[in-house]
Amino acid sequence: MMNAPRLALVVALATAVAARADDAPKPLAVLLVAGGCCHDYATQTKLLEAGLESRVRADVTVAYNPDTSTKARFEVYEKDGWADPYDVIVHDECSADVTDGPYVSRILAAHRAGTPAVNIHCAMHSYRWGDFRKPVAAGADNAGWFEMVGLQSTGHGPQLPIAIAYDAHPISKGLAGWTTINEELYNNIQVLPTAKPLATGVQALPGRKESDGKPAETKAVVAWTNEYGPGKTRVFSTSLGHNNDTVGDDRYLDLIARGLLWAAGRLADDGAPASGCWVEAVPR
């Protein structure tokens, strides 16, 4: 039989553990929407889900559409209030030819109302119509998706390595520059006034030279933050992530995880994750 002092110690320890559990933040409810043209989303959803849940205290729900066309739609978007159960939405769809205004407006309404977003790769080339190859004007009928994303892009060049360099930002704190495998460097038609560049990518163009004889290269913003709508909803985006080996790279997943925490308001100005939000003791 346990003596009184030992029983008291056990009760005290159990009470302390219960108190810490009560104080721990709830896992972020994250919705990952993926599918559409041109990418191995069946694999990449698994890489992203596992990569995020191993870094961030989060429960990731995947809404995957196996439709491989540019007209992929997602059932989750088909009703008002679709984002209500979630803290952050990760857009990883490739739906360039979905031009249904009410459908897109319903997606954007959730973010205008305050639900943070993370946009990955081909999400930048989705939901576009009209003369989208020219800079869209603020408030124009075809500007809505670009205004949420914060940067307007229309295409990319060849798949070649991209050298990544980070600007100072809470998201990039502790992240080192790196060079990807062969990847697509998305062009920048315009960076909207509400957006702030976070990382730049430089891609060499083999066989081409500048007028001064130096090897030719092209440069573009590849990660950025945005404040969307009247409430300045936080949005993080990166145009990187075409190939599976990139999506599964720890350096890429660290960037996505830290961007997600920032969008959710769980990353301090000094780059430190809020207490209990990062699974590991020290960010990678």
C-alpha atoms as a PDB file:
ATOM      1  CA  MET A   1       0.000   0.000   0.000  1.00  0.00           C
ATOM      2  CA  MET A   2       1.352   3.470  -0.972  1.00  0.00           C
ATOM      3  CA  ASN A   3       2.256   5.671   1.996  1.00  0.00           C
ATOM      4  CA  ALA A   4       0.704   9.119   2.359  1.00  0.00           C
ATOM      5  CA  PRO A   5       3.743  11.233   1.308  1.00  0.00           C
ATOM      6  CA  ARG A   6       4.310   9.130  -1.816  1.00  0.00           C
ATOM      7  CA  LEU A   7       0.602   9.263  -2.674  1.00  0.00           C
ATOM      8  CA  ALA A   8       0.651  13.035  -2.292  1.00  0.00           C
ATOM      9  CA  LEU A   9       3.664  13.268  -4.652  1.00  0.00           C
ATOM     10  CA  VAL A  10       1.977  11.105  -7.278  1.00  0.00           C
ATOM     11  CA  VAL A  11      -1.190  13.201  -7.099  1.00  0.00           C
ATOM     12  CA  ALA A  12       0.837  16.422  -7.381  1.00  0.00           C
ATOM     13  CA  LEU A  13       2.709  15.119 -10.426  1.00  0.00           C
ATOM     14  CA  ALA A  14      -0.490  13.958 -12.090  1.00  0.00           C
ATOM     15  CA  THR A  15      -2.086  17.339 -11.439  1.00  0.00           C
ATOM     16  CA  ALA A  16       0.929  19.140 -12.948  1.00  0.00           C
ATOM     17  CA  VAL A  17       0.884  16.949 -16.044  1.00  0.00           C
ATOM     18  CA  ALA A  18      -2.857  17.525 -16.478  1.00  0.00           C
ATOM     19  CA  ALA A  19      -2.373  21.278 -16.098  1.00  0.00           C
ATOM     20  CA  ARG A  20       0.346  21.297 -18.755  1.00  0.00           C
ATOM     21  CA  ALA A  21      -1.912  19.302 -21.076  1.00  0.00           C
ATOM     22  CA  ASP A  22      -4.695  21.823 -20.561  1.00  0.00           C
ATOM     23  CA  ASP A  23      -2.279  24.688 -21.304  1.00  0.00           C
ATOM     24  CA  ALA A  24      -0.883  23.075 -24.475  1.00  0.00           C
ATOM     25  CA  PRO A  25      -2.267  24.639 -27.652  1.00  0.00           C
ATOM     26  CA  LYS A  26      -4.704  22.585 -29.651  1.00  0.00           C
ATOM     27  CA  PRO A  27      -3.337  21.181 -32.900  1.00  0.00           C
ATOM     28  CA  LEU A  28      -3.919  23.457 -35.854  1.00  0.00           C
ATOM     29  CA  ALA A  29      -6.730  22.190 -38.044  1.00  0.00           C
ATOM     30  CA  VAL A  30      -5.241  22.311 -41.533  1.00  0.00           C
ATOM     31  CA  LEU A  31      -7.050  21.593 -44.798  1.00  0.00           C
ATOM     32  CA  LEU A  32      -4.794  20.600 -47.709  1.00  0.00           C
ATOM     33  CA  VAL A  33      -6.569  20.886 -51.070  1.00  0.00           C
ATOM     34  CA  ALA A  34      -4.718  19.239 -53.956  1.00  0.00           C
ATOM     35  CA  GLY A  35      -5.332  17.925 -57.429  1.00  0.00           C
ATOM     36  CA  GLY A  36      -5.502  18.938 -61.051  1.00  0.00           C
ATOM     37  CA  CYS A  37      -3.032  19.161 -63.857  1.00  0.00           C
ATOM     38  CA  CYS A  38       0.606  18.356 -64.235  1.00  0.00           C
ATOM     39  CA  HIS A  39       1.784  17.059 -60.843  1.00  0.00           C
ATOM     40  CA  ASP A  40       1.935  13.839 -58.816  1.00  0.00           C
ATOM     41  CA  TYR A  41      -0.539  15.012 -56.212  1.00  0.00           C
ATOM     42  CA  ALA A  42      -1.262  11.491 -54.994  1.00  0.00           C
ATOM     43  CA  THR A  43       2.322  11.323 -53.726  1.00  0.00           C
ATOM     44  CA  GLN A  44       2.776  14.979 -52.835  1.00  0.00           C
ATOM     45  CA  THR A  45      -0.258  15.088 -50.546  1.00  0.00           C
ATOM     46  CA  LYS A  46       1.307  12.273 -48.514  1.00  0.00           C
ATOM     47  CA  LEU A  47       4.677  14.054 -48.397  1.00  0.00           C
ATOM     48  CA  LEU A  48       3.075  17.316 -47.279  1.00  0.00           C
ATOM     49  CA  GLU A  49       0.758  15.727 -44.728  1.00  0.00           C
ATOM     50  CA  ALA A  50       3.570  13.738 -43.104  1.00  0.00           C
ATOM     51  CA  GLY A  51       6.047  16.607 -43.380  1.00  0.00           C
ATOM     52  CA  LEU A  52       3.745  19.125 -41.719  1.00  0.00           C
ATOM     53  CA  GLU A  53       2.510  16.838 -38.954  1.00  0.00           C
ATOM     54  CA  SER A  54       6.096  15.856 -38.087  1.00  0.00           C
ATOM     55  CA  ARG A  55       7.051  19.512 -37.659  1.00  0.00           C
ATOM     56  CA  VAL A  56       3.965  21.413 -36.587  1.00  0.00           C
ATOM     57  CA  ARG A  57       1.373  20.427 -34.008  1.00  0.00           C
ATOM     58  CA  ALA A  58      -1.369  20.040 -36.581  1.00  0.00           C
ATOM     59  CA  ASP A  59      -4.072  17.714 -37.823  1.00  0.00           C
ATOM     60  CA  VAL A  60      -4.001  17.777 -41.628  1.00  0.00           C
ATOM     61  CA  THR A  61      -7.143  16.895 -43.565  1.00  0.00           C
ATOM     62  CA  VAL A  62      -6.544  16.160 -47.258  1.00  0.00           C
ATOM     63  CA  ALA A  63      -9.106  17.022 -49.939  1.00  0.00           C
ATOM     64  CA  TYR A  64      -7.628  15.329 -53.023  1.00  0.00           C
ATOM     65  CA  ASN A  65      -9.213  15.232 -56.463  1.00  0.00           C
ATOM     66  CA  PRO A  66      -7.582  12.692 -58.825  1.00  0.00           C
ATOM     67  CA  ASP A  67      -8.784  14.698 -61.844  1.00  0.00           C
ATOM     68  CA  THR A  68      -5.565  15.473 -63.766  1.00  0.00           C
ATOM     69  CA  SER A  69      -7.038  18.151 -66.015  1.00  0.00           C
ATOM     70  CA  THR A  70      -6.819  21.925 -65.684  1.00  0.00           C
ATOM     71  CA  LYS A  71     -10.537  21.940 -64.827  1.00  0.00           C
ATOM     72  CA  ALA A  72     -10.352  20.084 -61.515  1.00  0.00           C
ATOM     73  CA  ARG A  73     -12.906  21.267 -58.968  1.00  0.00           C
ATOM     74  CA  PHE A  74     -13.174  20.374 -55.312  1.00  0.00           C
ATOM     75  CA  GLU A  75     -16.313  19.318 -53.492  1.00  0.00           C
ATOM     76  CA  VAL A  76     -15.195  21.050 -50.305  1.00  0.00           C
ATOM     77  CA  TYR A  77     -15.545  24.446 -52.030  1.00  0.00           C
ATOM     78  CA  GLU A  78     -19.097  23.860 -53.205  1.00  0.00           C
ATOM     79  CA  LYS A  79     -20.863  25.251 -50.138  1.00  0.00           C
ATOM     80  CA  ASP A  80     -20.712  28.424 -48.085  1.00  0.00           C
ATOM     81  CA  GLY A  81     -18.807  28.179 -44.823  1.00  0.00           C
ATOM     82  CA  TRP A  82     -16.541  25.483 -46.277  1.00  0.00           C
ATOM     83  CA  ALA A  83     -13.493  26.757 -44.341  1.00  0.00           C
ATOM     84  CA  ASP A  84     -15.192  27.107 -40.943  1.00  0.00           C
ATOM     85  CA  PRO A  85     -13.738  23.905 -39.391  1.00  0.00           C
ATOM     86  CA  TYR A  86     -10.140  24.858 -40.233  1.00  0.00           C
ATOM     87  CA  ASP A  87      -7.449  27.196 -38.929  1.00  0.00           C
ATOM     88  CA  VAL A  88      -5.409  27.300 -42.160  1.00  0.00           C
ATOM     89  CA  ILE A  89      -6.088  26.295 -45.759  1.00  0.00           C
ATOM     90  CA  VAL A  90      -3.237  24.981 -47.928  1.00  0.00           C
ATOM     91  CA  HIS A  91      -4.003  25.484 -51.628  1.00  0.00           C
ATOM     92  CA  ASP A  92      -2.028  23.043 -53.770  1.00  0.00           C
ATOM     93  CA  GLU A  93      -4.422  22.737 -56.683  1.00  0.00           C
ATOM     94  CA  CYS A  94      -3.692  23.230 -60.388  1.00  0.00           C
ATOM     95  CA  SER A  95      -6.993  24.432 -61.863  1.00  0.00           C
ATOM     96  CA  ALA A  96      -5.992  26.974 -64.494  1.00  0.00           C
ATOM     97  CA  ASP A  97      -9.177  26.610 -66.524  1.00  0.00           C
ATOM     98  CA  VAL A  98     -11.701  26.815 -63.698  1.00  0.00           C
ATOM     99  CA  THR A  99     -13.316  30.168 -64.447  1.00  0.00           C
ATOM    100  CA  ASP A 100     -16.612  29.875 -62.543  1.00  0.00           C
ATOM    101  CA  GLY A 101     -16.836  33.276 -60.854  1.00  0.00           C
ATOM    102  CA  PRO A 102     -19.218  32.305 -57.997  1.00  0.00           C
ATOM    103  CA  TYR A 103     -17.135  29.192 -57.242  1.00  0.00           C
ATOM    104  CA  VAL A 104     -13.892  31.180 -57.017  1.00  0.00           C
ATOM    105  CA  SER A 105     -15.595  33.947 -55.058  1.00  0.00           C
ATOM    106  CA  ARG A 106     -16.751  31.371 -52.509  1.00  0.00           C
ATOM    107  CA  ILE A 107     -13.145  30.230 -52.041  1.00  0.00           C
ATOM    108  CA  LEU A 108     -11.902  33.795 -51.663  1.00  0.00           C
ATOM    109  CA  ALA A 109     -14.712  34.771 -49.287  1.00  0.00           C
ATOM    110  CA  ALA A 110     -13.287  32.469 -46.615  1.00  0.00           C
ATOM    111  CA  HIS A 111      -9.916  34.193 -46.795  1.00  0.00           C
ATOM    112  CA  ARG A 112     -11.405  37.675 -46.911  1.00  0.00           C
ATOM    113  CA  ALA A 113     -13.266  36.719 -43.740  1.00  0.00           C
ATOM    114  CA  GLY A 114      -9.999  35.872 -42.011  1.00  0.00           C
ATOM    115  CA  THR A 115      -9.033  32.258 -42.681  1.00  0.00           C
ATOM    116  CA  PRO A 116      -5.269  32.206 -43.386  1.00  0.00           C
ATOM    117  CA  ALA A 117      -3.917  30.581 -46.536  1.00  0.00           C
ATOM    118  CA  VAL A 118      -0.778  28.852 -47.749  1.00  0.00           C
ATOM    119  CA  ASN A 119      -0.404  28.652 -51.537  1.00  0.00           C
ATOM    120  CA  ILE A 120       1.916  26.148 -53.177  1.00  0.00           C
ATOM    121  CA  HIS A 121       3.310  26.063 -56.716  1.00  0.00           C
ATOM    122  CA  CYS A 122       0.514  25.698 -59.293  1.00  0.00           C
ATOM    123  CA  ALA A 123      -2.009  27.387 -57.009  1.00  0.00           C
ATOM    124  CA  MET A 124      -0.404  30.540 -58.446  1.00  0.00           C
ATOM    125  CA  HIS A 125      -1.595  29.529 -61.928  1.00  0.00           C
ATOM    126  CA  SER A 126      -5.151  28.607 -60.960  1.00  0.00           C
ATOM    127  CA  TYR A 127      -8.503  30.370 -61.339  1.00  0.00           C
ATOM    128  CA  ARG A 128      -7.485  32.840 -64.046  1.00  0.00           C
ATOM    129  CA  TRP A 129      -9.396  34.309 -66.944  1.00  0.00           C
ATOM    130  CA  GLY A 130      -9.542  37.356 -69.167  1.00  0.00           C
ATOM    131  CA  ASP A 131      -6.273  38.938 -70.252  1.00  0.00           C
ATOM    132  CA  PHE A 132      -4.377  37.506 -67.302  1.00  0.00           C
ATOM    133  CA  ARG A 133      -1.028  37.628 -69.112  1.00  0.00           C
ATOM    134  CA  LYS A 134      -0.977  41.386 -68.565  1.00  0.00           C
ATOM    135  CA  PRO A 135      -0.816  42.947 -65.080  1.00  0.00           C
ATOM    136  CA  VAL A 136      -4.321  42.845 -63.624  1.00  0.00           C
ATOM    137  CA  ALA A 137      -5.772  46.028 -62.184  1.00  0.00           C
ATOM    138  CA  ALA A 138      -6.824  46.217 -58.543  1.00  0.00           C
ATOM    139  CA  GLY A 139     -10.457  45.244 -58.174  1.00  0.00           C
ATOM    140  CA  ALA A 140     -10.779  43.960 -61.744  1.00  0.00           C
ATOM    141  CA  ASP A 141     -13.025  40.971 -62.414  1.00  0.00           C
ATOM    142  CA  ASN A 142     -10.012  38.725 -63.073  1.00  0.00           C
ATOM    143  CA  ALA A 143      -7.851  40.062 -60.242  1.00  0.00           C
ATOM    144  CA  GLY A 144      -9.439  38.271 -57.270  1.00  0.00           C
ATOM    145  CA  TRP A 145      -7.223  35.196 -57.060  1.00  0.00           C
ATOM    146  CA  PHE A 146      -4.027  37.177 -57.707  1.00  0.00           C
ATOM    147  CA  GLU A 147      -5.013  39.641 -54.986  1.00  0.00           C
ATOM    148  CA  MET A 148      -5.287  36.791 -52.490  1.00  0.00           C
ATOM    149  CA  VAL A 149      -2.011  35.211 -53.608  1.00  0.00           C
ATOM    150  CA  GLY A 150      -0.193  38.573 -53.667  1.00  0.00           C
ATOM    151  CA  LEU A 151       1.866  37.936 -56.802  1.00  0.00           C
ATOM    152  CA  GLN A 152       0.813  37.511 -60.412  1.00  0.00           C
ATOM    153  CA  SER A 153       2.551  34.787 -62.408  1.00  0.00           C
ATOM    154  CA  THR A 154       1.620  33.361 -65.799  1.00  0.00           C
ATOM    155  CA  GLY A 155       4.211  30.721 -66.617  1.00  0.00           C
ATOM    156  CA  HIS A 156       7.676  29.287 -66.191  1.00  0.00           C
ATOM    157  CA  GLY A 157      10.812  28.361 -68.100  1.00  0.00           C
ATOM    158  CA  PRO A 158      12.719  25.065 -68.299  1.00  0.00           C
ATOM    159  CA  GLN A 159      13.220  22.709 -65.406  1.00  0.00           C
ATOM    160  CA  LEU A 160      16.688  23.556 -64.090  1.00  0.00           C
ATOM    161  CA  PRO A 161      18.186  23.976 -60.607  1.00  0.00           C
ATOM    162  CA  ILE A 162      17.166  27.143 -58.744  1.00  0.00           C
ATOM    163  CA  ALA A 163      19.484  28.832 -56.243  1.00  0.00           C
ATOM    164  CA  ILE A 164      17.371  30.090 -53.318  1.00  0.00           C
ATOM    165  CA  ALA A 165      18.349  33.092 -51.185  1.00  0.00           C
ATOM    166  CA  TYR A 166      16.204  34.256 -48.256  1.00  0.00           C
ATOM    167  CA  ASP A 167      15.419  37.771 -47.081  1.00  0.00           C
ATOM    168  CA  ALA A 168      15.227  38.483 -43.353  1.00  0.00           C
ATOM    169  CA  HIS A 169      11.792  37.482 -42.043  1.00  0.00           C
ATOM    170  CA  PRO A 170      10.392  35.446 -39.134  1.00  0.00           C
ATOM    171  CA  ILE A 171       9.615  32.617 -41.579  1.00  0.00           C
ATOM    172  CA  SER A 172      13.184  32.427 -42.879  1.00  0.00           C
ATOM    173  CA  LYS A 173      14.807  32.625 -39.430  1.00  0.00           C
ATOM    174  CA  GLY A 174      17.262  29.739 -39.228  1.00  0.00           C
ATOM    175  CA  LEU A 175      16.723  28.668 -42.850  1.00  0.00           C
ATOM    176  CA  ALA A 176      19.814  28.543 -45.064  1.00  0.00           C
ATOM    177  CA  GLY A 177      19.873  29.246 -48.772  1.00  0.00           C
ATOM    178  CA  TRP A 178      19.990  26.157 -50.974  1.00  0.00           C
ATOM    179  CA  THR A 179      19.865  24.988 -54.566  1.00  0.00           C
ATOM    180  CA  THR A 180      16.980  22.831 -55.719  1.00  0.00           C
ATOM    181  CA  ILE A 181      17.036  19.920 -58.118  1.00  0.00           C
ATOM    182  CA  ASN A 182      15.554  20.655 -61.547  1.00  0.00           C
ATOM    183  CA  GLU A 183      12.544  22.858 -60.806  1.00  0.00           C
ATOM    184  CA  GLU A 184      10.293  25.389 -62.496  1.00  0.00           C
ATOM    185  CA  LEU A 185      11.024  29.068 -61.896  1.00  0.00           C
ATOM    186  CA  TYR A 186       7.709  30.905 -62.107  1.00  0.00           C
ATOM    187  CA  ASN A 187       7.784  34.351 -63.685  1.00  0.00           C
ATOM    188  CA  ASN A 188       6.706  37.509 -61.821  1.00  0.00           C
ATOM    189  CA  ILE A 189       4.311  39.656 -63.842  1.00  0.00           C
ATOM    190  CA  GLN A 190       3.809  41.829 -60.766  1.00  0.00           C
ATOM    191  CA  VAL A 191       4.254  41.709 -57.017  1.00  0.00           C
ATOM    192  CA  LEU A 192       1.167  43.356 -55.567  1.00  0.00           C
ATOM    193  CA  PRO A 193       1.564  46.219 -53.046  1.00  0.00           C
ATOM    194  CA  THR A 194       0.178  44.064 -50.215  1.00  0.00           C
ATOM    195  CA  ALA A 195       2.893  41.417 -50.677  1.00  0.00           C
ATOM    196  CA  LYS A 196       6.466  41.228 -49.372  1.00  0.00           C
ATOM    197  CA  PRO A 197       9.148  39.054 -51.019  1.00  0.00           C
ATOM    198  CA  LEU A 198      10.649  36.414 -48.748  1.00  0.00           C
ATOM    199  CA  ALA A 199      12.959  34.456 -51.050  1.00  0.00           C
ATOM    200  CA  THR A 200      14.473  34.932 -54.501  1.00  0.00           C
ATOM    201  CA  GLY A 201      15.414  32.210 -56.954  1.00  0.00           C
ATOM    202  CA  VAL A 202      18.092  32.426 -59.628  1.00  0.00           C
ATOM    203  CA  GLN A 203      18.219  29.968 -62.506  1.00  0.00           C
ATOM    204  CA  ALA A 204      21.167  29.758 -64.908  1.00  0.00           C
ATOM    205  CA  LEU A 205      20.329  29.397 -68.597  1.00  0.00           C
ATOM    206  CA  PRO A 206      22.883  27.021 -70.134  1.00  0.00           C
ATOM    207  CA  GLY A 207      24.163  27.992 -73.549  1.00  0.00           C
ATOM    208  CA  ARG A 208      23.025  31.599 -73.249  1.00  0.00           C
ATOM    209  CA  LYS A 209      25.162  34.643 -72.505  1.00  0.00           C
ATOM    210  CA  GLU A 210      24.483  38.253 -71.598  1.00  0.00           C
ATOM    211  CA  SER A 211      25.754  41.086 -73.773  1.00  0.00           C
ATOM    212  CA  ASP A 212      28.830  41.340 -71.530  1.00  0.00           C
ATOM    213  CA  GLY A 213      29.658  37.687 -72.099  1.00  0.00           C
ATOM    214  CA  LYS A 214      28.585  36.482 -68.665  1.00  0.00           C
ATOM    215  CA  PRO A 215      26.372  33.380 -68.430  1.00  0.00           C
ATOM    216  CA  ALA A 216      22.709  34.298 -68.727  1.00  0.00           C
ATOM    217  CA  GLU A 217      20.395  33.771 -65.787  1.00  0.00           C
ATOM    218  CA  THR A 218      16.874  34.613 -64.796  1.00  0.00           C
ATOM    219  CA  LYS A 219      15.648  35.723 -61.385  1.00  0.00           C
ATOM    220  CA  ALA A 220      12.251  35.761 -59.678  1.00  0.00           C
ATOM    221  CA  VAL A 221      10.606  35.958 -56.281  1.00  0.00           C
ATOM    222  CA  VAL A 222       9.841  32.365 -55.242  1.00  0.00           C
ATOM    223  CA  ALA A 223       8.368  32.857 -51.752  1.00  0.00           C
ATOM    224  CA  TRP A 224       6.475  35.775 -50.259  1.00  0.00           C
ATOM    225  CA  THR A 225       3.887  36.873 -47.732  1.00  0.00           C
ATOM    226  CA  ASN A 226       0.700  38.796 -48.344  1.00  0.00           C
ATOM    227  CA  GLU A 227      -1.990  40.601 -46.379  1.00  0.00           C
ATOM    228  CA  TYR A 228      -5.349  40.023 -48.021  1.00  0.00           C
ATOM    229  CA  GLY A 229      -8.630  41.840 -47.725  1.00  0.00           C
ATOM    230  CA  PRO A 230      -9.914  44.413 -45.255  1.00  0.00           C
ATOM    231  CA  GLY A 231      -8.781  42.366 -42.251  1.00  0.00           C
ATOM    232  CA  LYS A 232      -5.298  41.803 -43.707  1.00  0.00           C
ATOM    233  CA  THR A 233      -5.585  38.018 -43.602  1.00  0.00           C
ATOM    234  CA  ARG A 234      -2.149  36.435 -43.557  1.00  0.00           C
ATOM    235  CA  VAL A 235      -1.191  34.506 -46.691  1.00  0.00           C
ATOM    236  CA  PHE A 236       2.095  32.694 -47.342  1.00  0.00           C
ATOM    237  CA  SER A 237       3.020  31.433 -50.818  1.00  0.00           C
ATOM    238  CA  THR A 238       5.840  29.696 -52.624  1.00  0.00           C
ATOM    239  CA  SER A 239       6.021  28.904 -56.326  1.00  0.00           C
ATOM    240  CA  LEU A 240       8.464  26.048 -55.644  1.00  0.00           C
ATOM    241  CA  GLY A 241       7.279  22.457 -55.510  1.00  0.00           C
ATOM    242  CA  HIS A 242       6.823  20.890 -58.937  1.00  0.00           C
ATOM    243  CA  ASN A 243       8.723  17.644 -58.405  1.00  0.00           C
ATOM    244  CA  ASN A 244       8.311  15.037 -55.671  1.00  0.00           C
ATOM    245  CA  ASP A 245      11.965  15.201 -54.629  1.00  0.00           C
ATOM    246  CA  THR A 246      11.566  18.907 -53.923  1.00  0.00           C
ATOM    247  CA  VAL A 247       8.312  18.489 -52.007  1.00  0.00           C
ATOM    248  CA  GLY A 248       9.916  15.760 -49.908  1.00  0.00           C
ATOM    249  CA  ASP A 249      13.083  17.761 -49.204  1.00  0.00           C
ATOM    250  CA  ASP A 250      13.463  18.712 -45.520  1.00  0.00           C
ATOM    251  CA  ARG A 251      14.504  22.239 -46.527  1.00  0.00           C
ATOM    252  CA  TYR A 252      11.315  22.681 -48.512  1.00  0.00           C
ATOM    253  CA  LEU A 253       9.099  21.200 -45.813  1.00  0.00           C
ATOM    254  CA  ASP A 254      10.728  23.443 -43.187  1.00  0.00           C
ATOM    255  CA  LEU A 255       9.820  26.464 -45.315  1.00  0.00           C
ATOM    256  CA  ILE A 256       6.217  25.321 -45.755  1.00  0.00           C
ATOM    257  CA  ALA A 257       5.837  24.505 -42.054  1.00  0.00           C
ATOM    258  CA  ARG A 258       7.218  27.854 -40.910  1.00  0.00           C
ATOM    259  CA  GLY A 259       5.101  29.680 -43.491  1.00  0.00           C
ATOM    260  CA  LEU A 260       2.025  27.876 -42.198  1.00  0.00           C
ATOM    261  CA  LEU A 261       2.805  28.882 -38.601  1.00  0.00           C
ATOM    262  CA  TRP A 262       3.306  32.500 -39.658  1.00  0.00           C
ATOM    263  CA  ALA A 263      -0.004  32.522 -41.552  1.00  0.00           C
ATOM    264  CA  ALA A 264      -1.733  31.109 -38.472  1.00  0.00           C
ATOM    265  CA  GLY A 265      -0.199  33.771 -36.231  1.00  0.00           C
ATOM    266  CA  ARG A 266       1.925  31.199 -34.381  1.00  0.00           C
ATOM    267  CA  LEU A 267       5.353  32.587 -35.268  1.00  0.00           C
ATOM    268  CA  ALA A 268       6.868  35.441 -33.238  1.00  0.00           C
ATOM    269  CA  ASP A 269       8.675  38.389 -34.800  1.00  0.00           C
ATOM    270  CA  ASP A 270      11.989  36.798 -33.813  1.00  0.00           C
ATOM    271  CA  GLY A 271      11.055  33.626 -35.703  1.00  0.00           C
ATOM    272  CA  ALA A 272      10.292  31.514 -32.635  1.00  0.00           C
ATOM    273  CA  PRO A 273       7.236  29.238 -32.917  1.00  0.00           C
ATOM    274  CA  ALA A 274       4.591  29.769 -30.252  1.00  0.00           C
ATOM    275  CA  SER A 275       4.984  27.470 -27.283  1.00  0.00           C
ATOM    276  CA  GLY A 276       3.877  23.945 -28.071  1.00  0.00           C
ATOM    277  CA  CYS A 277       3.334  24.591 -31.789  1.00  0.00           C
ATOM    278  CA  TRP A 278       6.567  23.077 -33.103  1.00  0.00           C
ATOM    279  CA  VAL A 279       6.889  19.343 -32.616  1.00  0.00           C
ATOM    280  CA  GLU A 280      10.658  19.464 -32.232  1.00  0.00           C
ATOM    281  CA  ALA A 281      12.412  21.345 -29.435  1.00  0.00           C
ATOM    282  CA  VAL A 282      14.395  23.492 -31.874  1.00  0.00           C
ATOM    283  CA  PRO A 283      13.247  24.436 -35.389  1.00  0.00           C
ATOM    284  CA  ARG A 284      15.311  22.654 -38.059  1.00  0.00           C
END
